[in-house]
N, C-alpha and C. Protein backbone atom coordinates (compact mmCIF):
# COMPACT_ATOMS: atom_id res chain seq x y z
N MET A 1 -53.04 201.00 100.10
CA MET A 1 -53.51 199.88 99.29
C MET A 1 -52.72 199.78 97.98
N PRO A 2 -52.53 200.87 97.21
CA PRO A 2 -51.71 200.79 95.99
C PRO A 2 -50.32 200.31 96.28
N ARG A 3 -49.83 200.71 97.45
CA ARG A 3 -48.48 200.27 97.81
C ARG A 3 -48.45 198.77 98.07
N PHE A 4 -49.56 198.24 98.67
CA PHE A 4 -49.65 196.78 98.97
C PHE A 4 -49.67 196.00 97.66
N LYS A 5 -50.42 196.52 96.68
CA LYS A 5 -50.48 195.86 95.39
C LYS A 5 -49.11 195.86 94.73
N LYS A 6 -48.41 196.92 94.90
CA LYS A 6 -47.09 196.98 94.31
C LYS A 6 -46.16 195.95 94.92
N LEU A 7 -46.44 195.61 96.21
CA LEU A 7 -45.57 194.63 96.87
C LEU A 7 -46.01 193.20 96.58
N ILE A 8 -47.36 192.89 96.59
CA ILE A 8 -47.86 191.51 96.50
C ILE A 8 -47.85 190.97 95.09
N PHE A 9 -48.18 191.85 94.12
CA PHE A 9 -48.25 191.37 92.75
C PHE A 9 -46.89 190.94 92.22
N PRO A 10 -45.86 191.71 92.45
CA PRO A 10 -44.54 191.23 92.01
C PRO A 10 -44.17 189.92 92.67
N PHE A 11 -44.61 189.72 93.96
CA PHE A 11 -44.30 188.47 94.67
C PHE A 11 -45.03 187.29 94.03
N CYS A 12 -46.33 187.47 93.72
CA CYS A 12 -47.13 186.40 93.12
C CYS A 12 -46.59 186.04 91.74
N PHE A 13 -46.31 187.08 90.98
CA PHE A 13 -45.78 186.79 89.65
C PHE A 13 -44.43 186.11 89.72
N TYR A 14 -43.72 186.48 90.75
CA TYR A 14 -42.41 185.86 90.92
C TYR A 14 -42.53 184.38 91.23
N ASN A 15 -43.47 184.06 92.17
CA ASN A 15 -43.68 182.64 92.54
C ASN A 15 -44.29 181.86 91.38
N LEU A 16 -45.25 182.47 90.68
CA LEU A 16 -45.85 181.81 89.53
C LEU A 16 -44.79 181.51 88.47
N GLU A 17 -43.89 182.48 88.32
CA GLU A 17 -42.82 182.28 87.35
C GLU A 17 -41.91 181.15 87.78
N ARG A 18 -41.72 181.08 89.11
CA ARG A 18 -40.87 179.99 89.62
C ARG A 18 -41.53 178.64 89.43
N MET A 19 -42.89 178.56 89.62
CA MET A 19 -43.61 177.30 89.44
C MET A 19 -43.59 176.86 87.98
N ILE A 20 -43.68 177.88 87.10
CA ILE A 20 -43.69 177.54 85.67
C ILE A 20 -42.36 176.93 85.26
N TYR A 21 -41.32 177.50 85.79
CA TYR A 21 -39.99 177.00 85.43
C TYR A 21 -39.45 175.98 86.43
N MET A 22 -40.38 175.45 87.32
CA MET A 22 -39.98 174.43 88.31
C MET A 22 -39.72 173.12 87.57
N PRO A 23 -38.78 172.35 88.06
CA PRO A 23 -38.51 171.05 87.42
C PRO A 23 -39.76 170.16 87.46
N MET A 24 -39.84 169.20 86.53
CA MET A 24 -41.03 168.37 86.38
C MET A 24 -41.31 167.48 87.59
N TYR A 25 -40.28 166.94 88.19
CA TYR A 25 -40.49 166.04 89.33
C TYR A 25 -41.06 166.80 90.52
N LYS A 26 -40.68 168.08 90.67
CA LYS A 26 -41.24 168.87 91.76
C LYS A 26 -42.70 169.20 91.50
N LYS A 27 -43.02 169.47 90.23
CA LYS A 27 -44.43 169.71 89.90
C LYS A 27 -45.27 168.47 90.21
N SER A 28 -44.76 167.31 89.88
CA SER A 28 -45.49 166.06 90.14
C SER A 28 -45.72 165.85 91.63
N LEU A 29 -44.68 166.12 92.42
CA LEU A 29 -44.83 165.98 93.88
C LEU A 29 -45.86 166.94 94.42
N LEU A 30 -45.87 168.15 93.91
CA LEU A 30 -46.84 169.14 94.38
C LEU A 30 -48.26 168.73 94.03
N ILE A 31 -48.44 168.21 92.81
CA ILE A 31 -49.79 167.76 92.40
C ILE A 31 -50.24 166.58 93.27
N LEU A 32 -49.35 165.63 93.53
CA LEU A 32 -49.70 164.49 94.37
C LEU A 32 -50.04 164.93 95.78
N PHE A 33 -49.33 165.91 96.29
CA PHE A 33 -49.62 166.41 97.63
C PHE A 33 -51.01 167.04 97.68
N CYS A 34 -51.34 167.80 96.66
CA CYS A 34 -52.68 168.43 96.62
C CYS A 34 -53.78 167.38 96.55
N ILE A 35 -53.54 166.36 95.71
CA ILE A 35 -54.54 165.29 95.60
C ILE A 35 -54.71 164.56 96.93
N ALA A 36 -53.59 164.25 97.61
CA ALA A 36 -53.66 163.56 98.90
C ALA A 36 -54.37 164.40 99.94
N LEU A 37 -54.09 165.71 99.94
CA LEU A 37 -54.75 166.60 100.89
C LEU A 37 -56.25 166.65 100.65
N PHE A 38 -56.66 166.73 99.38
CA PHE A 38 -58.08 166.76 99.05
C PHE A 38 -58.77 165.46 99.46
N ALA A 39 -58.11 164.33 99.22
CA ALA A 39 -58.69 163.03 99.58
C ALA A 39 -58.84 162.91 101.10
N SER A 40 -57.84 163.39 101.84
CA SER A 40 -57.91 163.30 103.31
C SER A 40 -59.06 164.14 103.85
N VAL A 41 -59.20 165.36 103.33
CA VAL A 41 -60.29 166.23 103.78
C VAL A 41 -61.65 165.61 103.45
N SER A 42 -61.80 165.06 102.26
CA SER A 42 -63.07 164.43 101.85
C SER A 42 -63.42 163.23 102.74
N THR A 43 -62.41 162.40 103.02
CA THR A 43 -62.64 161.23 103.88
C THR A 43 -63.05 161.64 105.28
N PHE A 44 -62.37 162.60 105.83
CA PHE A 44 -62.70 163.06 107.17
C PHE A 44 -64.12 163.61 107.22
N TYR A 45 -64.50 164.36 106.22
CA TYR A 45 -65.85 164.94 106.18
C TYR A 45 -66.90 163.83 106.08
N TYR A 46 -66.64 162.83 105.27
CA TYR A 46 -67.60 161.72 105.10
C TYR A 46 -67.79 160.96 106.41
N LEU A 47 -66.66 160.63 107.07
CA LEU A 47 -66.76 159.90 108.34
C LEU A 47 -67.46 160.72 109.40
N TYR A 48 -67.23 162.00 109.42
CA TYR A 48 -67.86 162.87 110.42
C TYR A 48 -69.37 162.91 110.23
N THR A 49 -69.83 163.02 109.01
CA THR A 49 -71.29 163.05 108.76
C THR A 49 -71.92 161.71 109.04
N GLN A 50 -71.22 160.57 108.79
CA GLN A 50 -71.77 159.24 109.06
C GLN A 50 -71.94 159.00 110.55
N GLU A 51 -71.02 159.47 111.36
CA GLU A 51 -71.13 159.31 112.81
C GLU A 51 -72.34 160.04 113.36
N ASP A 52 -72.73 161.14 112.76
CA ASP A 52 -73.89 161.89 113.24
C ASP A 52 -75.20 161.20 112.92
N THR A 53 -75.27 160.47 111.81
CA THR A 53 -76.54 159.88 111.39
C THR A 53 -76.72 158.44 111.84
N THR A 54 -75.67 157.72 112.17
CA THR A 54 -75.77 156.30 112.54
C THR A 54 -76.62 156.05 113.76
N PRO A 55 -76.50 156.79 114.89
CA PRO A 55 -77.33 156.53 116.06
C PRO A 55 -78.83 156.65 115.77
N ILE A 56 -79.20 157.55 114.91
CA ILE A 56 -80.61 157.74 114.61
C ILE A 56 -81.16 156.50 113.91
N ILE A 57 -80.40 155.93 112.99
CA ILE A 57 -80.83 154.74 112.28
C ILE A 57 -80.95 153.56 113.23
N THR A 58 -80.01 153.43 114.17
CA THR A 58 -80.03 152.33 115.13
C THR A 58 -81.25 152.41 116.03
N ASP A 59 -81.58 153.59 116.50
CA ASP A 59 -82.74 153.76 117.37
C ASP A 59 -84.02 153.39 116.65
N ASN A 60 -84.17 153.78 115.40
CA ASN A 60 -85.37 153.44 114.64
C ASN A 60 -85.50 151.94 114.46
N THR A 61 -84.35 151.28 114.20
CA THR A 61 -84.38 149.83 114.01
C THR A 61 -84.80 149.11 115.27
N GLN A 62 -84.26 149.55 116.43
CA GLN A 62 -84.64 148.93 117.69
C GLN A 62 -86.12 149.13 118.00
N THR A 63 -86.64 150.31 117.71
CA THR A 63 -88.06 150.58 117.96
C THR A 63 -88.95 149.70 117.10
N GLN A 64 -88.58 149.55 115.82
CA GLN A 64 -89.36 148.70 114.93
C GLN A 64 -89.33 147.25 115.38
N THR A 65 -88.15 146.78 115.87
CA THR A 65 -88.03 145.40 116.35
C THR A 65 -88.91 145.16 117.56
N GLN A 66 -88.94 146.13 118.50
CA GLN A 66 -89.78 145.99 119.69
C GLN A 66 -91.25 145.95 119.32
N ASP A 67 -91.66 146.80 118.35
CA ASP A 67 -93.06 146.80 117.92
C ASP A 67 -93.45 145.47 117.31
N LYS A 68 -92.54 144.88 116.51
CA LYS A 68 -92.84 143.60 115.91
C LYS A 68 -92.98 142.51 116.96
N GLN A 69 -92.12 142.54 118.01
CA GLN A 69 -92.20 141.54 119.07
C GLN A 69 -93.50 141.66 119.85
N GLU A 70 -93.96 142.89 120.08
CA GLU A 70 -95.21 143.07 120.79
C GLU A 70 -96.39 142.56 119.98
N ASP A 71 -96.32 142.68 118.64
CA ASP A 71 -97.41 142.24 117.79
C ASP A 71 -97.46 140.74 117.64
N THR A 72 -96.39 140.01 117.96
CA THR A 72 -96.35 138.57 117.74
C THR A 72 -96.79 137.78 118.96
N THR A 73 -97.18 138.38 120.07
CA THR A 73 -97.65 137.67 121.26
C THR A 73 -99.03 138.17 121.67
N ILE A 74 -99.82 137.25 122.26
CA ILE A 74 -101.15 137.59 122.77
C ILE A 74 -101.29 137.04 124.18
N THR A 75 -102.26 137.56 124.92
CA THR A 75 -102.53 137.12 126.29
C THR A 75 -103.97 136.62 126.38
N VAL A 76 -104.16 135.42 126.92
CA VAL A 76 -105.50 134.84 127.08
C VAL A 76 -105.65 134.37 128.53
N TYR A 77 -106.92 134.19 128.94
CA TYR A 77 -107.23 133.74 130.31
C TYR A 77 -107.91 132.38 130.25
N VAL A 78 -107.36 131.41 130.97
CA VAL A 78 -107.90 130.06 130.99
C VAL A 78 -108.40 129.76 132.40
N SER A 79 -109.66 129.31 132.50
CA SER A 79 -110.25 129.00 133.80
C SER A 79 -110.99 127.67 133.72
N GLY A 80 -111.39 127.17 134.88
CA GLY A 80 -112.14 125.92 134.92
C GLY A 80 -111.26 124.73 135.22
N GLU A 81 -111.55 123.62 134.56
CA GLU A 81 -110.91 122.35 134.87
C GLU A 81 -109.57 122.18 134.15
N VAL A 82 -108.60 123.04 134.53
CA VAL A 82 -107.20 122.88 134.12
C VAL A 82 -106.34 122.90 135.38
N ASN A 83 -105.15 122.35 135.28
CA ASN A 83 -104.31 122.21 136.48
C ASN A 83 -103.78 123.54 137.00
N SER A 84 -103.52 124.51 136.12
CA SER A 84 -102.99 125.81 136.55
C SER A 84 -103.72 126.93 135.82
N PRO A 85 -104.96 127.24 136.23
CA PRO A 85 -105.72 128.29 135.53
C PRO A 85 -105.09 129.66 135.75
N GLY A 86 -105.32 130.57 134.78
CA GLY A 86 -104.81 131.93 134.90
C GLY A 86 -104.44 132.51 133.55
N LEU A 87 -103.70 133.63 133.58
CA LEU A 87 -103.27 134.30 132.36
C LEU A 87 -102.06 133.61 131.76
N VAL A 88 -102.06 133.46 130.44
CA VAL A 88 -100.92 132.89 129.73
C VAL A 88 -100.61 133.75 128.51
N GLU A 89 -99.33 133.90 128.21
CA GLU A 89 -98.88 134.66 127.05
C GLU A 89 -98.36 133.69 126.00
N LEU A 90 -98.88 133.79 124.79
CA LEU A 90 -98.57 132.84 123.73
C LEU A 90 -98.31 133.56 122.42
N PRO A 91 -97.69 132.88 121.45
CA PRO A 91 -97.55 133.47 120.11
C PRO A 91 -98.92 133.73 119.49
N SER A 92 -98.99 134.71 118.61
CA SER A 92 -100.26 135.14 118.04
C SER A 92 -100.93 134.08 117.18
N ASP A 93 -100.17 133.10 116.70
CA ASP A 93 -100.76 132.05 115.86
C ASP A 93 -101.11 130.80 116.66
N SER A 94 -101.19 130.90 118.00
CA SER A 94 -101.49 129.74 118.84
C SER A 94 -102.97 129.39 118.78
N ARG A 95 -103.29 128.17 119.26
CA ARG A 95 -104.66 127.67 119.31
C ARG A 95 -105.01 127.27 120.74
N ILE A 96 -106.29 126.91 120.94
CA ILE A 96 -106.75 126.60 122.30
C ILE A 96 -105.94 125.45 122.90
N ALA A 97 -105.56 124.50 122.08
CA ALA A 97 -104.76 123.37 122.59
C ALA A 97 -103.45 123.85 123.21
N ASP A 98 -102.84 124.89 122.63
CA ASP A 98 -101.59 125.44 123.18
C ASP A 98 -101.83 126.12 124.53
N ALA A 99 -102.98 126.81 124.66
CA ALA A 99 -103.30 127.47 125.92
C ALA A 99 -103.57 126.45 127.02
N ILE A 100 -104.26 125.36 126.68
CA ILE A 100 -104.53 124.31 127.67
C ILE A 100 -103.23 123.67 128.12
N LYS A 101 -102.34 123.43 127.19
CA LYS A 101 -101.05 122.83 127.52
C LYS A 101 -100.23 123.76 128.40
N ALA A 102 -100.30 125.07 128.14
CA ALA A 102 -99.56 126.03 128.94
C ALA A 102 -100.08 126.09 130.37
N CYS A 103 -101.32 125.68 130.60
CA CYS A 103 -101.92 125.67 131.94
C CYS A 103 -101.81 124.32 132.61
N GLY A 104 -100.98 123.44 132.13
CA GLY A 104 -100.77 122.16 132.78
C GLY A 104 -101.73 121.08 132.36
N ASP A 105 -102.46 121.28 131.26
CA ASP A 105 -103.38 120.30 130.69
C ASP A 105 -104.67 120.19 131.51
N PHE A 106 -105.60 119.33 131.04
CA PHE A 106 -106.90 119.16 131.67
C PHE A 106 -106.78 118.43 133.01
N THR A 107 -107.76 118.67 133.89
CA THR A 107 -107.92 117.85 135.09
C THR A 107 -108.76 116.62 134.72
N PRO A 108 -108.79 115.60 135.57
CA PRO A 108 -109.61 114.41 135.26
C PRO A 108 -111.10 114.72 135.13
N LEU A 109 -111.57 115.82 135.72
CA LEU A 109 -113.00 116.16 135.67
C LEU A 109 -113.37 117.00 134.45
N ALA A 110 -112.40 117.37 133.62
CA ALA A 110 -112.68 118.26 132.48
C ALA A 110 -113.51 117.56 131.42
N ASP A 111 -114.47 118.32 130.86
CA ASP A 111 -115.29 117.81 129.76
C ASP A 111 -114.65 118.27 128.45
N LYS A 112 -113.84 117.40 127.85
CA LYS A 112 -113.09 117.75 126.65
C LYS A 112 -113.98 117.85 125.42
N THR A 113 -115.17 117.28 125.48
CA THR A 113 -116.04 117.27 124.30
C THR A 113 -116.61 118.65 124.00
N LYS A 114 -116.59 119.58 124.95
CA LYS A 114 -117.16 120.91 124.75
C LYS A 114 -116.11 121.96 124.40
N ILE A 115 -114.86 121.52 124.15
CA ILE A 115 -113.77 122.45 123.82
C ILE A 115 -113.26 122.13 122.41
N ASN A 116 -113.20 123.17 121.58
CA ASN A 116 -112.63 123.03 120.23
C ASN A 116 -111.13 123.34 120.31
N LEU A 117 -110.34 122.32 120.44
CA LEU A 117 -108.90 122.51 120.64
C LEU A 117 -108.22 123.11 119.42
N ALA A 118 -108.83 123.05 118.25
CA ALA A 118 -108.22 123.58 117.04
C ALA A 118 -108.53 125.06 116.82
N GLN A 119 -109.40 125.66 117.66
CA GLN A 119 -109.78 127.06 117.46
C GLN A 119 -108.59 127.98 117.70
N LYS A 120 -108.43 128.98 116.81
CA LYS A 120 -107.32 129.92 116.92
C LYS A 120 -107.60 130.97 117.99
N LEU A 121 -106.57 131.35 118.72
CA LEU A 121 -106.72 132.29 119.83
C LEU A 121 -106.69 133.73 119.33
N THR A 122 -107.33 134.61 120.11
CA THR A 122 -107.25 136.05 119.89
C THR A 122 -106.86 136.72 121.19
N ASP A 123 -106.27 137.89 121.09
CA ASP A 123 -105.79 138.59 122.28
C ASP A 123 -106.97 138.96 123.19
N GLY A 124 -106.83 138.67 124.51
CA GLY A 124 -107.88 138.98 125.47
C GLY A 124 -108.96 137.91 125.57
N MET A 125 -108.78 136.78 124.92
CA MET A 125 -109.79 135.72 124.89
C MET A 125 -109.84 134.98 126.23
N GLN A 126 -111.04 134.54 126.63
CA GLN A 126 -111.21 133.72 127.83
C GLN A 126 -111.65 132.32 127.42
N ILE A 127 -111.00 131.31 128.01
CA ILE A 127 -111.31 129.92 127.72
C ILE A 127 -111.82 129.28 129.01
N GLN A 128 -113.08 128.84 129.01
CA GLN A 128 -113.69 128.21 130.18
C GLN A 128 -113.81 126.71 129.92
N VAL A 129 -113.15 125.92 130.75
CA VAL A 129 -113.21 124.46 130.63
C VAL A 129 -114.20 123.95 131.67
N SER A 130 -115.32 123.44 131.22
CA SER A 130 -116.38 122.99 132.13
C SER A 130 -116.11 121.58 132.63
N SER A 131 -116.83 121.22 133.71
CA SER A 131 -116.70 119.89 134.30
C SER A 131 -117.65 118.91 133.63
N LYS A 132 -117.33 117.65 133.77
CA LYS A 132 -118.23 116.62 133.26
C LYS A 132 -119.52 116.61 134.07
N ALA A 133 -120.65 116.35 133.41
CA ALA A 133 -121.93 116.27 134.10
C ALA A 133 -121.94 115.03 134.98
N PRO A 134 -122.43 115.15 136.23
CA PRO A 134 -122.47 113.97 137.10
C PRO A 134 -123.38 112.90 136.53
N VAL A 135 -122.95 111.66 136.64
CA VAL A 135 -123.74 110.54 136.12
C VAL A 135 -124.90 110.27 137.06
N ASN A 136 -126.11 110.23 136.49
CA ASN A 136 -127.31 110.00 137.28
C ASN A 136 -127.57 108.51 137.38
N ASN A 137 -127.27 107.95 138.55
CA ASN A 137 -127.44 106.52 138.76
C ASN A 137 -128.72 106.19 139.51
N SER A 138 -129.58 107.21 139.69
CA SER A 138 -130.78 106.98 140.49
C SER A 138 -131.68 105.92 139.85
N ASN A 139 -131.82 106.01 138.50
CA ASN A 139 -132.67 105.04 137.82
C ASN A 139 -132.10 103.64 137.91
N GLU A 140 -130.76 103.56 137.78
CA GLU A 140 -130.13 102.25 137.87
C GLU A 140 -130.28 101.68 139.27
N GLN A 141 -130.14 102.56 140.28
CA GLN A 141 -130.28 102.09 141.65
C GLN A 141 -131.69 101.61 141.91
N VAL A 142 -132.68 102.34 141.37
CA VAL A 142 -134.07 101.92 141.56
C VAL A 142 -134.32 100.59 140.90
N ASN A 143 -133.74 100.42 139.68
CA ASN A 143 -133.93 99.16 138.98
C ASN A 143 -133.27 98.01 139.72
N ASP A 144 -132.06 98.30 140.26
CA ASP A 144 -131.39 97.26 141.02
C ASP A 144 -132.17 96.89 142.27
N THR A 145 -132.72 97.92 142.94
CA THR A 145 -133.49 97.66 144.15
C THR A 145 -134.73 96.85 143.84
N ASN A 146 -135.40 97.24 142.73
CA ASN A 146 -136.61 96.51 142.37
C ASN A 146 -136.32 95.09 141.96
N SER A 147 -135.18 94.92 141.27
CA SER A 147 -134.85 93.57 140.82
C SER A 147 -134.49 92.67 141.97
N ASN A 148 -133.96 93.27 143.08
CA ASN A 148 -133.58 92.47 144.23
C ASN A 148 -134.70 92.33 145.25
N SER A 149 -135.78 93.07 145.08
CA SER A 149 -136.88 92.99 146.04
C SER A 149 -137.65 91.69 145.87
N PRO A 150 -138.23 91.16 146.94
CA PRO A 150 -138.94 89.87 146.86
C PRO A 150 -140.10 89.90 145.88
N SER A 151 -140.77 91.05 145.76
CA SER A 151 -141.95 91.11 144.90
C SER A 151 -141.61 91.00 143.44
N ASN A 152 -140.35 91.44 143.02
CA ASN A 152 -139.98 91.43 141.61
C ASN A 152 -138.96 90.37 141.26
N ASN A 153 -138.44 89.70 142.20
CA ASN A 153 -137.47 88.65 141.96
C ASN A 153 -138.20 87.37 141.61
N ASN A 154 -137.85 86.82 140.43
CA ASN A 154 -138.55 85.62 139.99
C ASN A 154 -138.33 84.45 140.93
N SER A 155 -137.14 84.44 141.56
CA SER A 155 -136.84 83.30 142.43
C SER A 155 -137.54 83.41 143.77
N SER A 156 -137.91 84.65 144.16
CA SER A 156 -138.51 84.82 145.48
C SER A 156 -139.96 85.26 145.43
N SER A 157 -140.43 85.70 144.26
CA SER A 157 -141.81 86.19 144.20
C SER A 157 -142.82 85.07 144.46
N ASN A 158 -142.43 83.83 144.11
CA ASN A 158 -143.34 82.70 144.31
C ASN A 158 -143.05 81.94 145.59
N LEU A 159 -142.07 82.40 146.36
CA LEU A 159 -141.72 81.72 147.60
C LEU A 159 -142.38 82.40 148.80
N ILE A 160 -142.60 81.59 149.82
CA ILE A 160 -143.17 82.11 151.06
C ILE A 160 -142.07 82.21 152.10
N ASN A 161 -141.91 83.40 152.64
CA ASN A 161 -140.89 83.62 153.68
C ASN A 161 -141.44 83.11 155.00
N ILE A 162 -140.84 82.04 155.49
CA ILE A 162 -141.37 81.41 156.70
C ILE A 162 -141.14 82.25 157.95
N ASN A 163 -140.35 83.32 157.85
CA ASN A 163 -140.11 84.19 159.00
C ASN A 163 -141.17 85.27 159.14
N ILE A 164 -141.88 85.59 158.05
CA ILE A 164 -142.87 86.67 158.11
C ILE A 164 -144.24 86.23 157.61
N ALA A 165 -144.35 84.99 157.13
CA ALA A 165 -145.62 84.53 156.55
C ALA A 165 -146.70 84.43 157.62
N THR A 166 -147.93 84.74 157.19
CA THR A 166 -149.08 84.60 158.09
C THR A 166 -149.54 83.14 158.13
N LYS A 167 -150.46 82.88 159.01
CA LYS A 167 -151.00 81.52 159.16
C LYS A 167 -151.66 81.07 157.87
N GLU A 168 -152.37 81.99 157.22
CA GLU A 168 -153.07 81.64 155.98
C GLU A 168 -152.06 81.33 154.87
N GLU A 169 -150.94 82.08 154.83
CA GLU A 169 -149.93 81.82 153.80
C GLU A 169 -149.23 80.49 154.04
N LEU A 170 -148.94 80.18 155.29
CA LEU A 170 -148.30 78.91 155.61
C LEU A 170 -149.23 77.73 155.32
N ASP A 171 -150.51 77.97 155.44
CA ASP A 171 -151.50 76.91 155.21
C ASP A 171 -151.54 76.48 153.75
N THR A 172 -151.03 77.36 152.85
CA THR A 172 -151.04 77.01 151.43
C THR A 172 -149.90 76.09 151.04
N LEU A 173 -148.95 75.87 151.92
CA LEU A 173 -147.82 75.00 151.62
C LEU A 173 -148.27 73.53 151.61
N PRO A 174 -147.66 72.74 150.74
CA PRO A 174 -148.05 71.30 150.70
C PRO A 174 -147.69 70.59 152.01
N GLY A 175 -148.66 69.84 152.55
CA GLY A 175 -148.45 69.07 153.77
C GLY A 175 -148.63 69.89 155.03
N ILE A 176 -148.96 71.18 154.90
CA ILE A 176 -149.13 72.05 156.07
C ILE A 176 -150.61 72.42 156.16
N GLY A 177 -151.18 72.10 157.26
CA GLY A 177 -152.56 72.48 157.52
C GLY A 177 -152.61 73.62 158.52
N PRO A 178 -153.81 74.02 158.95
CA PRO A 178 -153.95 75.13 159.91
C PRO A 178 -153.23 74.87 161.22
N ALA A 179 -153.27 73.63 161.70
CA ALA A 179 -152.64 73.31 162.98
C ALA A 179 -151.12 73.44 162.89
N THR A 180 -150.53 72.88 161.81
CA THR A 180 -149.08 72.96 161.64
C THR A 180 -148.64 74.39 161.37
N ALA A 181 -149.46 75.13 160.65
CA ALA A 181 -149.14 76.53 160.40
C ALA A 181 -149.06 77.32 161.70
N GLN A 182 -149.96 77.02 162.63
CA GLN A 182 -149.94 77.69 163.93
C GLN A 182 -148.69 77.29 164.72
N LYS A 183 -148.27 75.99 164.60
CA LYS A 183 -147.06 75.54 165.28
C LYS A 183 -145.83 76.29 164.76
N ILE A 184 -145.81 76.56 163.46
CA ILE A 184 -144.67 77.31 162.89
C ILE A 184 -144.60 78.73 163.47
N ILE A 185 -145.77 79.36 163.59
CA ILE A 185 -145.82 80.72 164.14
C ILE A 185 -145.41 80.71 165.61
N ASP A 186 -145.88 79.70 166.38
CA ASP A 186 -145.52 79.60 167.79
C ASP A 186 -144.02 79.38 167.96
N TYR A 187 -143.44 78.52 167.12
CA TYR A 187 -142.01 78.27 167.19
C TYR A 187 -141.22 79.56 166.87
N ARG A 188 -141.72 80.25 165.91
CA ARG A 188 -141.04 81.49 165.51
C ARG A 188 -141.07 82.53 166.62
N GLN A 189 -142.18 82.62 167.33
CA GLN A 189 -142.30 83.58 168.43
C GLN A 189 -141.44 83.17 169.62
N GLU A 190 -141.25 81.88 169.79
CA GLU A 190 -140.49 81.40 170.94
C GLU A 190 -138.98 81.39 170.69
N HIS A 191 -138.59 81.00 169.51
CA HIS A 191 -137.17 80.83 169.22
C HIS A 191 -136.59 81.91 168.29
N GLY A 192 -137.43 82.76 167.75
CA GLY A 192 -136.93 83.76 166.80
C GLY A 192 -137.02 83.26 165.37
N ASN A 193 -136.53 84.06 164.47
CA ASN A 193 -136.60 83.72 163.05
C ASN A 193 -135.76 82.50 162.72
N PHE A 194 -136.17 81.83 161.66
CA PHE A 194 -135.42 80.68 161.16
C PHE A 194 -134.16 81.17 160.44
N SER A 195 -133.05 80.55 160.73
CA SER A 195 -131.80 80.92 160.06
C SER A 195 -131.74 80.36 158.66
N SER A 196 -132.32 79.22 158.43
CA SER A 196 -132.37 78.61 157.11
C SER A 196 -133.68 77.85 156.98
N ILE A 197 -134.00 77.46 155.76
CA ILE A 197 -135.27 76.76 155.56
C ILE A 197 -135.24 75.38 156.22
N GLU A 198 -134.04 74.79 156.42
CA GLU A 198 -133.94 73.48 157.08
C GLU A 198 -134.37 73.55 158.53
N ASP A 199 -134.31 74.75 159.14
CA ASP A 199 -134.69 74.87 160.55
C ASP A 199 -136.17 74.62 160.77
N ILE A 200 -136.97 74.68 159.70
CA ILE A 200 -138.40 74.45 159.89
C ILE A 200 -138.70 73.01 160.32
N LYS A 201 -137.71 72.11 160.09
CA LYS A 201 -137.89 70.71 160.51
C LYS A 201 -137.86 70.57 162.02
N ASN A 202 -137.42 71.67 162.70
CA ASN A 202 -137.43 71.65 164.16
C ASN A 202 -138.84 71.81 164.73
N VAL A 203 -139.77 72.24 163.90
CA VAL A 203 -141.16 72.37 164.33
C VAL A 203 -141.79 70.98 164.44
N LYS A 204 -142.46 70.75 165.51
CA LYS A 204 -143.08 69.45 165.73
C LYS A 204 -144.13 69.18 164.65
N GLY A 205 -144.07 68.02 164.05
CA GLY A 205 -145.02 67.63 163.02
C GLY A 205 -144.45 67.80 161.61
N ILE A 206 -143.26 68.40 161.50
CA ILE A 206 -142.66 68.57 160.17
C ILE A 206 -141.41 67.70 160.11
N GLY A 207 -141.47 66.69 159.29
CA GLY A 207 -140.34 65.79 159.12
C GLY A 207 -139.72 65.98 157.75
N GLU A 208 -138.88 65.03 157.41
CA GLU A 208 -138.16 65.08 156.15
C GLU A 208 -139.11 64.97 154.97
N ALA A 209 -140.15 64.23 155.11
CA ALA A 209 -141.08 64.02 153.99
C ALA A 209 -141.83 65.32 153.67
N LYS A 210 -142.32 65.97 154.71
CA LYS A 210 -143.03 67.24 154.47
C LYS A 210 -142.06 68.33 153.97
N PHE A 211 -140.85 68.33 154.55
CA PHE A 211 -139.87 69.36 154.15
C PHE A 211 -139.52 69.22 152.67
N SER A 212 -139.37 67.98 152.20
CA SER A 212 -139.02 67.77 150.79
C SER A 212 -140.11 68.27 149.86
N LYS A 213 -141.35 68.29 150.32
CA LYS A 213 -142.46 68.77 149.50
C LYS A 213 -142.51 70.31 149.43
N MET A 214 -142.05 70.97 150.51
CA MET A 214 -142.20 72.42 150.57
C MET A 214 -140.90 73.20 150.36
N GLN A 215 -139.77 72.53 150.32
CA GLN A 215 -138.48 73.25 150.32
C GLN A 215 -138.29 74.15 149.09
N ASP A 216 -138.96 73.81 147.98
CA ASP A 216 -138.85 74.65 146.79
C ASP A 216 -139.82 75.82 146.80
N LYS A 217 -140.63 75.90 147.85
CA LYS A 217 -141.65 76.95 147.90
C LYS A 217 -141.48 77.90 149.09
N ILE A 218 -140.40 77.72 149.86
CA ILE A 218 -140.19 78.56 151.04
C ILE A 218 -138.80 79.21 150.99
N CYS A 219 -138.67 80.27 151.76
CA CYS A 219 -137.38 80.96 151.90
C CYS A 219 -137.33 81.63 153.26
N THR A 220 -136.16 82.16 153.62
CA THR A 220 -136.02 82.87 154.89
C THR A 220 -135.65 84.32 154.63
């Protein structure tokens, strides 16, 4: 070891002495080389550390983006009177009107008055579109039937139907007595019902004069 020191120290001092007495331009080149070497090593180290951390940042960003996308959509179920009932996926700020539109809109039987189209949707919500209540026309039909019936019709309630009238009813007609009333019944049994009130003139004993007196009081 002492021998090594004897060899290395004279060498170092020799080189140091040479550097001290080195020309100025060589010293400048040496300093520039050291600076360039240090800059290259620093740059390489920086790039190497950045490559290791970049993938981790990218993965976190993608995960956050996926979470945000999942939070911005909801799923609702639409049933009843729509053209395409079923599950629909919509933005979280959608309303019932958007869900109905996504299902092909209402059917002609849908009762729109029972749906609040402005209501905001929530995830997992069910929307039931009911049908219109059937119109009850029974009362109208009864009224129509009653209005058309002979007993309630003003034009026929006071008329005597010569096809179904009894002998006593026919006897109340002007110009018709019991004998003529019986002739009307006999004619009816033999020839069938009268097609019109003018056919009553075919009964023997009833002429134009008698018919003109009773025509406003009879019907078929």
